[in-house]
Amino acid sequence: MSLTSWTEIRVVVPQGWEELVAEALALDECTTVAFGRSSLAADPVPEGCEMVRTFVSSTLDTPELRQTIRSVLEALADTTGAEELRNLPLLFKPLPPEDYANSWKKSWKPFRVGRIAVLAPWSESRTRPDDLVMRLEPGATFGSGRHPTTRLCMAAVQRYCRPGARVLDAGTGTGILAVTAALCGAREVHGFDIDPHSKPCADELARSASVAERCTFAHGGFEVAPSGPFDMVVANIYSDIIQLHARALRELLSPQGHFVFSGVPMQHDRATRAAIEKAGLIIQHHDSLGRWQLYCGQAQGGQGAHTGASL
């Protein structure tokens, strides 16, 4: 079998921003995304940084594609307000003919959050008898589990989701949080995302976890969200989107339901808290992992409201 020549696209990224950059690289021409150096012999990355890599067939490695990638990466600092994302080091490296489209799989490791064990489809790792197993195809759609906010939300969903719950996952990405809710016994889970890659990834994840009949995913923004009320509303999205749509999220929540919000860097904490509270939501629990914040709670008037607690 003849082998295709590939170009490896390397981006050096401040830690904590890997999945955002991976999402930005989710272009049709690119295959998938790997995290970390290609080998121990590869050039080391600066302290506090990580390498994000994707691959494109040499036949598709055009000047136009390279400029598109540069433009997409340059826009991240303006979109997020994070100056550390400006002028990210970018390298295009031609590779000798080999099956590089699959070589990235060596770098992805299984992990566990609570009772959820997340494995790649090809993984032969052993699981515990009481594990709830999720087989996720790691790719460029946000939600591979490596990002701190994904793991914070997975733990919170397991804490608050009750059997029989109706759940909404705003900005579902790979569907990892929606499927977590379904594995925890939710009877009906809806997710939506503006990323066109999201729905097929989420549909496949739900199917492989045997919860597809309880999960429905849609391509689009808040305009495609189904009508409430929901017993749980999850949103692991950019902080400015939470601030803009906090009231809409509140209106989708049942009187006794819980919200789980993340995707908020430390510098946006105050503004995001203010927007959440102004929308009529009470933050009952707050947690953080590195620079990333998690907020959980209920609508005003919900039972058991208290502030300042930590998960």
C-alpha atoms as a PDB file:
ATOM      1  CA  MET A   1       0.000   0.000   0.000  1.00  0.00           C
ATOM      2  CA  SER A   2       1.397   3.414  -0.944  1.00  0.00           C
ATOM      3  CA  LEU A   3       1.771   5.917   1.857  1.00  0.00           C
ATOM      4  CA  THR A   4       0.764   9.560   1.740  1.00  0.00           C
ATOM      5  CA  SER A   5       3.182  12.384   2.461  1.00  0.00           C
ATOM      6  CA  TRP A   6       2.063  14.709   5.225  1.00  0.00           C
ATOM      7  CA  THR A   7       2.820  18.113   6.634  1.00  0.00           C
ATOM      8  CA  GLU A   8       2.823  18.414  10.415  1.00  0.00           C
ATOM      9  CA  ILE A   9       1.497  21.714  11.726  1.00  0.00           C
ATOM     10  CA  ARG A  10       2.908  22.578  15.152  1.00  0.00           C
ATOM     11  CA  VAL A  11       1.643  25.294  17.483  1.00  0.00           C
ATOM     12  CA  VAL A  12       3.261  26.078  20.833  1.00  0.00           C
ATOM     13  CA  VAL A  13       0.408  26.930  23.217  1.00  0.00           C
ATOM     14  CA  PRO A  14       0.266  28.201  26.838  1.00  0.00           C
ATOM     15  CA  GLN A  15      -0.995  25.396  29.077  1.00  0.00           C
ATOM     16  CA  GLY A  16      -4.748  25.510  29.569  1.00  0.00           C
ATOM     17  CA  TRP A  17      -5.451  26.677  26.020  1.00  0.00           C
ATOM     18  CA  GLU A  18      -4.677  23.423  24.186  1.00  0.00           C
ATOM     19  CA  GLU A  19      -8.250  22.457  23.342  1.00  0.00           C
ATOM     20  CA  LEU A  20      -9.186  25.948  22.189  1.00  0.00           C
ATOM     21  CA  VAL A  21      -6.300  25.866  19.707  1.00  0.00           C
ATOM     22  CA  ALA A  22      -7.258  22.314  18.725  1.00  0.00           C
ATOM     23  CA  GLU A  23     -10.772  23.546  18.008  1.00  0.00           C
ATOM     24  CA  ALA A  24      -9.360  26.383  15.870  1.00  0.00           C
ATOM     25  CA  LEU A  25      -7.435  23.816  13.835  1.00  0.00           C
ATOM     26  CA  ALA A  26     -10.637  21.868  13.061  1.00  0.00           C
ATOM     27  CA  LEU A  27     -10.434  22.624   9.357  1.00  0.00           C
ATOM     28  CA  ASP A  28     -11.683  20.199   6.731  1.00  0.00           C
ATOM     29  CA  GLU A  29      -8.202  19.705   5.303  1.00  0.00           C
ATOM     30  CA  CYS A  30      -6.667  18.706   8.650  1.00  0.00           C
ATOM     31  CA  THR A  31      -6.944  15.160   9.935  1.00  0.00           C
ATOM     32  CA  THR A  32      -6.972  15.340  13.716  1.00  0.00           C
ATOM     33  CA  VAL A  33      -5.050  16.814  16.624  1.00  0.00           C
ATOM     34  CA  ALA A  34      -2.277  15.479  18.866  1.00  0.00           C
ATOM     35  CA  PHE A  35      -0.986  17.027  22.082  1.00  0.00           C
ATOM     36  CA  GLY A  36       2.649  16.994  23.112  1.00  0.00           C
ATOM     37  CA  ARG A  37       5.905  16.454  21.267  1.00  0.00           C
ATOM     38  CA  SER A  38       6.066  13.813  18.550  1.00  0.00           C
ATOM     39  CA  SER A  39       8.930  12.064  20.360  1.00  0.00           C
ATOM     40  CA  LEU A  40      11.376  12.519  23.198  1.00  0.00           C
ATOM     41  CA  ALA A  41      13.953  13.574  20.615  1.00  0.00           C
ATOM     42  CA  ALA A  42      11.797  16.474  19.415  1.00  0.00           C
ATOM     43  CA  ASP A  43      12.682  20.005  20.427  1.00  0.00           C
ATOM     44  CA  PRO A  44      11.398  20.787  23.943  1.00  0.00           C
ATOM     45  CA  VAL A  45       8.679  23.396  24.418  1.00  0.00           C
ATOM     46  CA  PRO A  46       9.080  26.359  26.796  1.00  0.00           C
ATOM     47  CA  GLU A  47       8.080  25.826  30.415  1.00  0.00           C
ATOM     48  CA  GLY A  48       4.351  26.386  30.927  1.00  0.00           C
ATOM     49  CA  CYS A  49       3.552  25.545  27.321  1.00  0.00           C
ATOM     50  CA  GLU A  50       2.330  22.534  25.371  1.00  0.00           C
ATOM     51  CA  MET A  51       2.595  21.591  21.710  1.00  0.00           C
ATOM     52  CA  VAL A  52      -0.558  21.093  19.663  1.00  0.00           C
ATOM     53  CA  ARG A  53      -0.075  19.290  16.353  1.00  0.00           C
ATOM     54  CA  THR A  54      -2.282  18.485  13.397  1.00  0.00           C
ATOM     55  CA  PHE A  55      -1.584  16.901  10.029  1.00  0.00           C
ATOM     56  CA  VAL A  56      -2.532  17.738   6.461  1.00  0.00           C
ATOM     57  CA  SER A  57      -1.875  15.812   3.294  1.00  0.00           C
ATOM     58  CA  SER A  58       0.961  17.361   1.290  1.00  0.00           C
ATOM     59  CA  THR A  59      -1.382  17.727  -1.669  1.00  0.00           C
ATOM     60  CA  LEU A  60      -3.604  20.021   0.422  1.00  0.00           C
ATOM     61  CA  ASP A  61      -0.745  21.977   2.018  1.00  0.00           C
ATOM     62  CA  THR A  62      -1.199  25.157   0.004  1.00  0.00           C
ATOM     63  CA  PRO A  63      -0.196  28.779   0.690  1.00  0.00           C
ATOM     64  CA  GLU A  64      -3.898  29.553   1.046  1.00  0.00           C
ATOM     65  CA  LEU A  65      -4.372  26.909   3.740  1.00  0.00           C
ATOM     66  CA  ARG A  66      -1.330  28.123   5.644  1.00  0.00           C
ATOM     67  CA  GLN A  67      -2.639  31.682   5.585  1.00  0.00           C
ATOM     68  CA  THR A  68      -6.051  30.477   6.780  1.00  0.00           C
ATOM     69  CA  ILE A  69      -4.426  28.713   9.718  1.00  0.00           C
ATOM     70  CA  ARG A  70      -2.376  31.794  10.575  1.00  0.00           C
ATOM     71  CA  SER A  71      -5.476  33.991  10.460  1.00  0.00           C
ATOM     72  CA  VAL A  72      -7.536  31.610  12.615  1.00  0.00           C
ATOM     73  CA  LEU A  73      -4.819  31.472  15.267  1.00  0.00           C
ATOM     74  CA  GLU A  74      -4.246  35.228  15.210  1.00  0.00           C
ATOM     75  CA  ALA A  75      -7.950  35.792  15.904  1.00  0.00           C
ATOM     76  CA  LEU A  76      -7.890  33.777  19.141  1.00  0.00           C
ATOM     77  CA  ALA A  77      -6.390  36.565  21.259  1.00  0.00           C
ATOM     78  CA  ASP A  78      -9.085  39.009  20.155  1.00  0.00           C
ATOM     79  CA  THR A  79     -11.873  36.455  20.592  1.00  0.00           C
ATOM     80  CA  THR A  80     -10.871  35.448  24.118  1.00  0.00           C
ATOM     81  CA  GLY A  81      -9.182  38.615  25.364  1.00  0.00           C
ATOM     82  CA  ALA A  82      -6.148  36.503  26.324  1.00  0.00           C
ATOM     83  CA  GLU A  83      -2.962  38.241  25.241  1.00  0.00           C
ATOM     84  CA  GLU A  84      -0.938  35.062  25.781  1.00  0.00           C
ATOM     85  CA  LEU A  85      -2.628  33.694  22.659  1.00  0.00           C
ATOM     86  CA  ARG A  86      -1.238  36.439  20.446  1.00  0.00           C
ATOM     87  CA  ASN A  87       1.552  35.497  18.005  1.00  0.00           C
ATOM     88  CA  LEU A  88       1.603  31.795  18.860  1.00  0.00           C
ATOM     89  CA  PRO A  89       4.715  30.067  17.454  1.00  0.00           C
ATOM     90  CA  LEU A  90       3.645  28.149  14.350  1.00  0.00           C
ATOM     91  CA  LEU A  91       5.678  25.681  12.288  1.00  0.00           C
ATOM     92  CA  PHE A  92       4.835  23.744   9.120  1.00  0.00           C
ATOM     93  CA  LYS A  93       7.083  20.666   8.901  1.00  0.00           C
ATOM     94  CA  PRO A  94       7.034  18.338   5.871  1.00  0.00           C
ATOM     95  CA  LEU A  95       7.244  14.699   6.951  1.00  0.00           C
ATOM     96  CA  PRO A  96       8.533  11.659   5.063  1.00  0.00           C
ATOM     97  CA  PRO A  97       5.892   9.249   3.741  1.00  0.00           C
ATOM     98  CA  GLU A  98       4.332   7.351   6.646  1.00  0.00           C
ATOM     99  CA  ASP A  99       0.941   6.808   8.265  1.00  0.00           C
ATOM    100  CA  TYR A 100       1.104  10.036  10.253  1.00  0.00           C
ATOM    101  CA  ALA A 101      -2.676  10.380  10.160  1.00  0.00           C
ATOM    102  CA  ASN A 102      -2.816   7.741  12.898  1.00  0.00           C
ATOM    103  CA  SER A 103       0.532   8.162  14.670  1.00  0.00           C
ATOM    104  CA  TRP A 104      -0.927  10.838  16.981  1.00  0.00           C
ATOM    105  CA  LYS A 105      -2.947   8.140  18.744  1.00  0.00           C
ATOM    106  CA  LYS A 106       0.143   7.092  20.711  1.00  0.00           C
ATOM    107  CA  SER A 107       0.025  10.333  22.731  1.00  0.00           C
ATOM    108  CA  TRP A 108      -3.600  10.139  23.934  1.00  0.00           C
ATOM    109  CA  LYS A 109      -4.035   8.453  27.309  1.00  0.00           C
ATOM    110  CA  PRO A 110      -7.225   7.133  28.969  1.00  0.00           C
ATOM    111  CA  PHE A 111      -8.416   8.916  32.102  1.00  0.00           C
ATOM    112  CA  ARG A 112     -11.062   8.688  34.810  1.00  0.00           C
ATOM    113  CA  VAL A 113     -13.287  11.322  36.405  1.00  0.00           C
ATOM    114  CA  GLY A 114     -15.367   9.881  39.228  1.00  0.00           C
ATOM    115  CA  ARG A 115     -17.033   6.740  37.889  1.00  0.00           C
ATOM    116  CA  ILE A 116     -16.550   7.741  34.242  1.00  0.00           C
ATOM    117  CA  ALA A 117     -13.635   6.016  32.501  1.00  0.00           C
ATOM    118  CA  VAL A 118     -12.821   7.662  29.158  1.00  0.00           C
ATOM    119  CA  LEU A 119     -10.948   5.461  26.690  1.00  0.00           C
ATOM    120  CA  ALA A 120     -10.062   5.764  23.040  1.00  0.00           C
ATOM    121  CA  PRO A 121     -11.905   3.295  20.772  1.00  0.00           C
ATOM    122  CA  TRP A 122      -8.705   1.298  20.227  1.00  0.00           C
ATOM    123  CA  SER A 123      -7.669   1.272  23.907  1.00  0.00           C
ATOM    124  CA  GLU A 124      -7.204  -2.103  25.609  1.00  0.00           C
ATOM    125  CA  SER A 125      -6.917  -0.593  29.101  1.00  0.00           C
ATOM    126  CA  ARG A 126      -8.682  -2.508  31.833  1.00  0.00           C
ATOM    127  CA  THR A 127     -11.539  -0.814  33.663  1.00  0.00           C
ATOM    128  CA  ARG A 128     -13.008  -1.317  37.122  1.00  0.00           C
ATOM    129  CA  PRO A 129     -16.203  -3.370  37.518  1.00  0.00           C
ATOM    130  CA  ASP A 130     -18.248  -0.297  38.485  1.00  0.00           C
ATOM    131  CA  ASP A 131     -16.796   2.047  35.838  1.00  0.00           C
ATOM    132  CA  LEU A 132     -19.132   3.805  33.428  1.00  0.00           C
ATOM    133  CA  VAL A 133     -17.133   3.488  30.209  1.00  0.00           C
ATOM    134  CA  MET A 134     -17.046   6.100  27.464  1.00  0.00           C
ATOM    135  CA  ARG A 135     -15.051   5.479  24.285  1.00  0.00           C
ATOM    136  CA  LEU A 136     -14.156   8.840  22.784  1.00  0.00           C
ATOM    137  CA  GLU A 137     -12.485   9.390  19.417  1.00  0.00           C
ATOM    138  CA  PRO A 138     -10.015  12.167  20.329  1.00  0.00           C
ATOM    139  CA  GLY A 139     -10.103  14.796  17.651  1.00  0.00           C
ATOM    140  CA  ALA A 140     -10.318  18.488  16.963  1.00  0.00           C
ATOM    141  CA  THR A 141     -13.796  19.048  18.385  1.00  0.00           C
ATOM    142  CA  PHE A 142     -13.675  20.587  21.866  1.00  0.00           C
ATOM    143  CA  GLY A 143     -14.142  18.088  24.682  1.00  0.00           C
ATOM    144  CA  SER A 144     -11.463  15.421  24.564  1.00  0.00           C
ATOM    145  CA  GLY A 145     -11.224  15.522  28.367  1.00  0.00           C
ATOM    146  CA  ARG A 146      -7.739  17.007  28.524  1.00  0.00           C
ATOM    147  CA  HIS A 147      -8.979  20.502  29.292  1.00  0.00           C
ATOM    148  CA  PRO A 148      -9.467  21.339  33.009  1.00  0.00           C
ATOM    149  CA  THR A 149     -12.976  22.710  32.414  1.00  0.00           C
ATOM    150  CA  THR A 150     -14.143  19.444  30.865  1.00  0.00           C
ATOM    151  CA  ARG A 151     -13.011  17.478  33.896  1.00  0.00           C
ATOM    152  CA  LEU A 152     -14.464  20.001  36.340  1.00  0.00           C
ATOM    153  CA  CYS A 153     -17.825  19.760  34.561  1.00  0.00           C
ATOM    154  CA  MET A 154     -17.724  15.957  34.362  1.00  0.00           C
ATOM    155  CA  ALA A 155     -17.293  15.789  38.137  1.00  0.00           C
ATOM    156  CA  ALA A 156     -20.101  18.315  38.709  1.00  0.00           C
ATOM    157  CA  VAL A 157     -22.516  16.540  36.354  1.00  0.00           C
ATOM    158  CA  GLN A 158     -21.951  13.303  38.264  1.00  0.00           C
ATOM    159  CA  ARG A 159     -22.611  15.140  41.511  1.00  0.00           C
ATOM    160  CA  TYR A 160     -25.866  16.834  40.505  1.00  0.00           C
ATOM    161  CA  CYS A 161     -27.435  14.680  37.795  1.00  0.00           C
ATOM    162  CA  ARG A 162     -30.267  12.528  39.115  1.00  0.00           C
ATOM    163  CA  PRO A 163     -31.822   9.477  37.455  1.00  0.00           C
ATOM    164  CA  GLY A 164     -34.691  10.560  35.241  1.00  0.00           C
ATOM    165  CA  ALA A 165     -33.379  14.112  34.781  1.00  0.00           C
ATOM    166  CA  ARG A 166     -33.853  16.184  31.655  1.00  0.00           C
ATOM    167  CA  VAL A 167     -30.520  17.806  30.744  1.00  0.00           C
ATOM    168  CA  LEU A 168     -29.333  20.498  28.317  1.00  0.00           C
ATOM    169  CA  ASP A 169     -25.681  20.792  27.261  1.00  0.00           C
ATOM    170  CA  ALA A 170     -25.025  24.172  25.629  1.00  0.00           C
ATOM    171  CA  GLY A 171     -21.888  24.051  23.484  1.00  0.00           C
ATOM    172  CA  THR A 172     -21.705  20.272  23.639  1.00  0.00           C
ATOM    173  CA  GLY A 173     -18.538  19.740  21.555  1.00  0.00           C
ATOM    174  CA  THR A 174     -17.848  16.014  21.422  1.00  0.00           C
ATOM    175  CA  GLY A 175     -20.900  15.420  23.630  1.00  0.00           C
ATOM    176  CA  ILE A 176     -18.745  14.230  26.522  1.00  0.00           C
ATOM    177  CA  LEU A 177     -20.787  16.090  29.180  1.00  0.00           C
ATOM    178  CA  ALA A 178     -24.119  15.139  27.629  1.00  0.00           C
ATOM    179  CA  VAL A 179     -23.110  11.474  27.539  1.00  0.00           C
ATOM    180  CA  THR A 180     -21.820  11.753  31.111  1.00  0.00           C
ATOM    181  CA  ALA A 181     -25.322  12.873  32.144  1.00  0.00           C
ATOM    182  CA  ALA A 182     -26.914  10.003  30.231  1.00  0.00           C
ATOM    183  CA  LEU A 183     -24.568   7.491  31.869  1.00  0.00           C
ATOM    184  CA  CYS A 184     -25.622   8.952  35.225  1.00  0.00           C
ATOM    185  CA  GLY A 185     -29.243   8.091  34.452  1.00  0.00           C
ATOM    186  CA  ALA A 186     -30.650  11.171  32.719  1.00  0.00           C
ATOM    187  CA  ARG A 187     -33.743  10.150  30.763  1.00  0.00           C
ATOM    188  CA  GLU A 188     -33.423  12.882  28.108  1.00  0.00           C
ATOM    189  CA  VAL A 189     -30.329  14.854  27.092  1.00  0.00           C
ATOM    190  CA  HIS A 190     -30.134  17.596  24.473  1.00  0.00           C
ATOM    191  CA  GLY A 191     -26.933  19.207  23.206  1.00  0.00           C
ATOM    192  CA  PHE A 192     -26.158  21.853  20.632  1.00  0.00           C
ATOM    193  CA  ASP A 193     -23.017  23.465  19.221  1.00  0.00           C
ATOM    194  CA  ILE A 194     -22.145  25.907  16.450  1.00  0.00           C
ATOM    195  CA  ASP A 195     -19.221  23.691  15.390  1.00  0.00           C
ATOM    196  CA  PRO A 196     -20.355  21.589  12.393  1.00  0.00           C
ATOM    197  CA  HIS A 197     -18.017  18.788  13.536  1.00  0.00           C
ATOM    198  CA  SER A 198     -19.823  18.517  16.868  1.00  0.00           C
ATOM    199  CA  LYS A 199     -23.054  16.702  16.027  1.00  0.00           C
ATOM    200  CA  PRO A 200     -21.514  13.683  14.223  1.00  0.00           C
ATOM    201  CA  CYS A 201     -18.903  13.305  16.992  1.00  0.00           C
ATOM    202  CA  ALA A 202     -21.515  13.553  19.744  1.00  0.00           C
ATOM    203  CA  ASP A 203     -23.900  11.175  17.963  1.00  0.00           C
ATOM    204  CA  GLU A 204     -21.130   8.575  17.664  1.00  0.00           C
ATOM    205  CA  LEU A 205     -20.062   8.990  21.298  1.00  0.00           C
ATOM    206  CA  ALA A 206     -23.636   8.481  22.492  1.00  0.00           C
ATOM    207  CA  ARG A 207     -24.043   5.452  20.235  1.00  0.00           C
ATOM    208  CA  SER A 208     -20.819   3.840  21.447  1.00  0.00           C
ATOM    209  CA  ALA A 209     -21.875   4.416  25.070  1.00  0.00           C
ATOM    210  CA  SER A 210     -25.284   2.798  24.376  1.00  0.00           C
ATOM    211  CA  VAL A 211     -27.212   5.947  25.334  1.00  0.00           C
ATOM    212  CA  ALA A 212     -28.077   7.229  21.843  1.00  0.00           C
ATOM    213  CA  GLU A 213     -31.815   6.759  22.381  1.00  0.00           C
ATOM    214  CA  ARG A 214     -31.677   9.322  25.204  1.00  0.00           C
ATOM    215  CA  CYS A 215     -29.381  11.876  23.519  1.00  0.00           C
ATOM    216  CA  THR A 216     -30.296  14.383  20.816  1.00  0.00           C
ATOM    217  CA  PHE A 217     -27.734  16.749  19.298  1.00  0.00           C
ATOM    218  CA  ALA A 218     -28.208  19.731  16.999  1.00  0.00           C
ATOM    219  CA  HIS A 219     -25.964  22.017  14.956  1.00  0.00           C
ATOM    220  CA  GLY A 220     -26.491  25.662  15.856  1.00  0.00           C
ATOM    221  CA  GLY A 221     -26.600  28.169  18.690  1.00  0.00           C
ATOM    222  CA  PHE A 222     -29.219  29.044  21.266  1.00  0.00           C
ATOM    223  CA  GLU A 223     -31.795  29.353  18.506  1.00  0.00           C
ATOM    224  CA  VAL A 224     -31.854  25.539  18.184  1.00  0.00           C
ATOM    225  CA  ALA A 225     -32.142  24.848  21.921  1.00  0.00           C
ATOM    226  CA  PRO A 226     -35.337  22.929  22.749  1.00  0.00           C
ATOM    227  CA  SER A 227     -37.874  24.355  25.141  1.00  0.00           C
ATOM    228  CA  GLY A 228     -37.352  23.986  28.878  1.00  0.00           C
ATOM    229  CA  PRO A 229     -37.642  23.321  31.646  1.00  0.00           C
ATOM    230  CA  PHE A 230     -34.497  21.261  32.247  1.00  0.00           C
ATOM    231  CA  ASP A 231     -33.442  19.689  35.519  1.00  0.00           C
ATOM    232  CA  MET A 232     -29.830  20.512  34.667  1.00  0.00           C
ATOM    233  CA  VAL A 233     -28.285  23.053  32.294  1.00  0.00           C
ATOM    234  CA  VAL A 234     -24.595  22.600  31.496  1.00  0.00           C
ATOM    235  CA  ALA A 235     -22.523  25.196  29.650  1.00  0.00           C
ATOM    236  CA  ASN A 236     -18.785  24.700  29.218  1.00  0.00           C
ATOM    237  CA  ILE A 237     -18.287  27.595  26.825  1.00  0.00           C
ATOM    238  CA  TYR A 238     -16.432  30.890  26.553  1.00  0.00           C
ATOM    239  CA  SER A 239     -17.055  33.242  29.461  1.00  0.00           C
ATOM    240  CA  ASP A 240     -18.368  36.028  27.230  1.00  0.00           C
ATOM    241  CA  ILE A 241     -21.040  33.650  25.888  1.00  0.00           C
ATOM    242  CA  ILE A 242     -22.092  32.721  29.426  1.00  0.00           C
ATOM    243  CA  GLN A 243     -22.332  36.406  30.298  1.00  0.00           C
ATOM    244  CA  LEU A 244     -24.375  37.163  27.172  1.00  0.00           C
ATOM    245  CA  HIS A 245     -26.768  34.229  27.524  1.00  0.00           C
ATOM    246  CA  ALA A 246     -26.997  33.822  31.310  1.00  0.00           C
ATOM    247  CA  ARG A 247     -30.640  34.916  31.362  1.00  0.00           C
ATOM    248  CA  ALA A 248     -31.545  32.566  28.514  1.00  0.00           C
ATOM    249  CA  LEU A 249     -29.889  29.714  30.393  1.00  0.00           C
ATOM    250  CA  ARG A 250     -31.815  30.701  33.526  1.00  0.00           C
ATOM    251  CA  GLU A 251     -35.114  30.580  31.632  1.00  0.00           C
ATOM    252  CA  LEU A 252     -34.371  27.029  30.474  1.00  0.00           C
ATOM    253  CA  LEU A 253     -33.807  25.803  34.033  1.00  0.00           C
ATOM    254  CA  SER A 254     -36.567  24.245  36.131  1.00  0.00           C
ATOM    255  CA  PRO A 255     -37.278  25.850  39.555  1.00  0.00           C
ATOM    256  CA  GLN A 256     -35.418  23.082  41.391  1.00  0.00           C
ATOM    257  CA  GLY A 257     -32.860  22.423  38.656  1.00  0.00           C
ATOM    258  CA  HIS A 258     -29.090  22.887  38.809  1.00  0.00           C
ATOM    259  CA  PHE A 259     -26.733  24.731  36.490  1.00  0.00           C
ATOM    260  CA  VAL A 260     -23.093  23.821  35.809  1.00  0.00           C
ATOM    261  CA  PHE A 261     -21.067  26.541  34.063  1.00  0.00           C
ATOM    262  CA  SER A 262     -17.372  26.589  33.166  1.00  0.00           C
ATOM    263  CA  GLY A 263     -14.996  27.791  30.457  1.00  0.00           C
ATOM    264  CA  VAL A 264     -14.182  30.894  32.517  1.00  0.00           C
ATOM    265  CA  PRO A 265     -10.544  31.967  33.021  1.00  0.00           C
ATOM    266  CA  MET A 266      -9.627  33.642  36.289  1.00  0.00           C
ATOM    267  CA  GLN A 267      -9.493  37.157  34.823  1.00  0.00           C
ATOM    268  CA  HIS A 268     -13.164  36.881  33.777  1.00  0.00           C
ATOM    269  CA  ASP A 269     -14.375  35.587  37.147  1.00  0.00           C
ATOM    270  CA  ARG A 270     -15.858  38.824  38.492  1.00  0.00           C
ATOM    271  CA  ALA A 271     -17.750  39.757  35.323  1.00  0.00           C
ATOM    272  CA  THR A 272     -19.084  36.225  34.866  1.00  0.00           C
ATOM    273  CA  ARG A 273     -20.236  35.967  38.480  1.00  0.00           C
ATOM    274  CA  ALA A 274     -22.047  39.282  38.130  1.00  0.00           C
ATOM    275  CA  ALA A 275     -23.829  38.148  34.956  1.00  0.00           C
ATOM    276  CA  ILE A 276     -24.867  34.837  36.520  1.00  0.00           C
ATOM    277  CA  GLU A 277     -26.286  36.520  39.608  1.00  0.00           C
ATOM    278  CA  LYS A 278     -27.984  39.286  37.606  1.00  0.00           C
ATOM    279  CA  ALA A 279     -29.774  36.594  35.592  1.00  0.00           C
ATOM    280  CA  GLY A 280     -31.395  35.302  38.791  1.00  0.00           C
ATOM    281  CA  LEU A 281     -29.087  32.378  39.478  1.00  0.00           C
ATOM    282  CA  ILE A 282     -27.423  31.632  42.813  1.00  0.00           C
ATOM    283  CA  ILE A 283     -23.890  30.246  42.812  1.00  0.00           C
ATOM    284  CA  GLN A 284     -23.949  27.561  45.479  1.00  0.00           C
ATOM    285  CA  HIS A 285     -20.653  25.897  44.670  1.00  0.00           C
ATOM    286  CA  HIS A 286     -17.450  27.199  43.120  1.00  0.00           C
ATOM    287  CA  ASP A 287     -14.325  25.287  42.186  1.00  0.00           C
ATOM    288  CA  SER A 288     -11.229  25.942  40.113  1.00  0.00           C
ATOM    289  CA  LEU A 289      -8.498  23.987  38.413  1.00  0.00           C
ATOM    290  CA  GLY A 290      -5.498  26.064  37.493  1.00  0.00           C
ATOM    291  CA  ARG A 291      -6.789  29.301  36.003  1.00  0.00           C
ATOM    292  CA  TRP A 292     -10.208  27.853  35.126  1.00  0.00           C
ATOM    293  CA  GLN A 293     -13.375  28.427  37.152  1.00  0.00           C
ATOM    294  CA  LEU A 294     -16.501  26.302  37.700  1.00  0.00           C
ATOM    295  CA  TYR A 295     -19.852  27.589  38.981  1.00  0.00           C
ATOM    296  CA  CYS A 296     -22.760  25.416  40.100  1.00  0.00           C
ATOM    297  CA  GLY A 297     -26.058  26.329  41.678  1.00  0.00           C
ATOM    298  CA  GLN A 298     -29.780  26.896  41.235  1.00  0.00           C
ATOM    299  CA  ALA A 299     -32.238  29.594  40.319  1.00  0.00           C
ATOM    300  CA  GLN A 300     -33.266  32.025  43.027  1.00  0.00           C
ATOM    301  CA  GLY A 301     -35.850  30.266  45.153  1.00  0.00           C
ATOM    302  CA  GLY A 302     -34.313  26.821  44.580  1.00  0.00           C
ATOM    303  CA  GLN A 303     -33.975  24.576  47.598  1.00  0.00           C
ATOM    304  CA  GLY A 304     -30.805  24.487  49.633  1.00  0.00           C
ATOM    305  CA  ALA A 305     -29.280  27.692  48.292  1.00  0.00           C
ATOM    306  CA  HIS A 306     -26.089  28.823  49.945  1.00  0.00           C
ATOM    307  CA  THR A 307     -22.990  30.587  48.703  1.00  0.00           C
ATOM    308  CA  GLY A 308     -19.275  30.274  49.039  1.00  0.00           C
ATOM    309  CA  ALA A 309     -19.050  26.478  49.230  1.00  0.00           C
ATOM    310  CA  SER A 310     -16.399  24.517  47.387  1.00  0.00           C
ATOM    311  CA  LEU A 311     -16.862  21.272  45.535  1.00  0.00           C
END
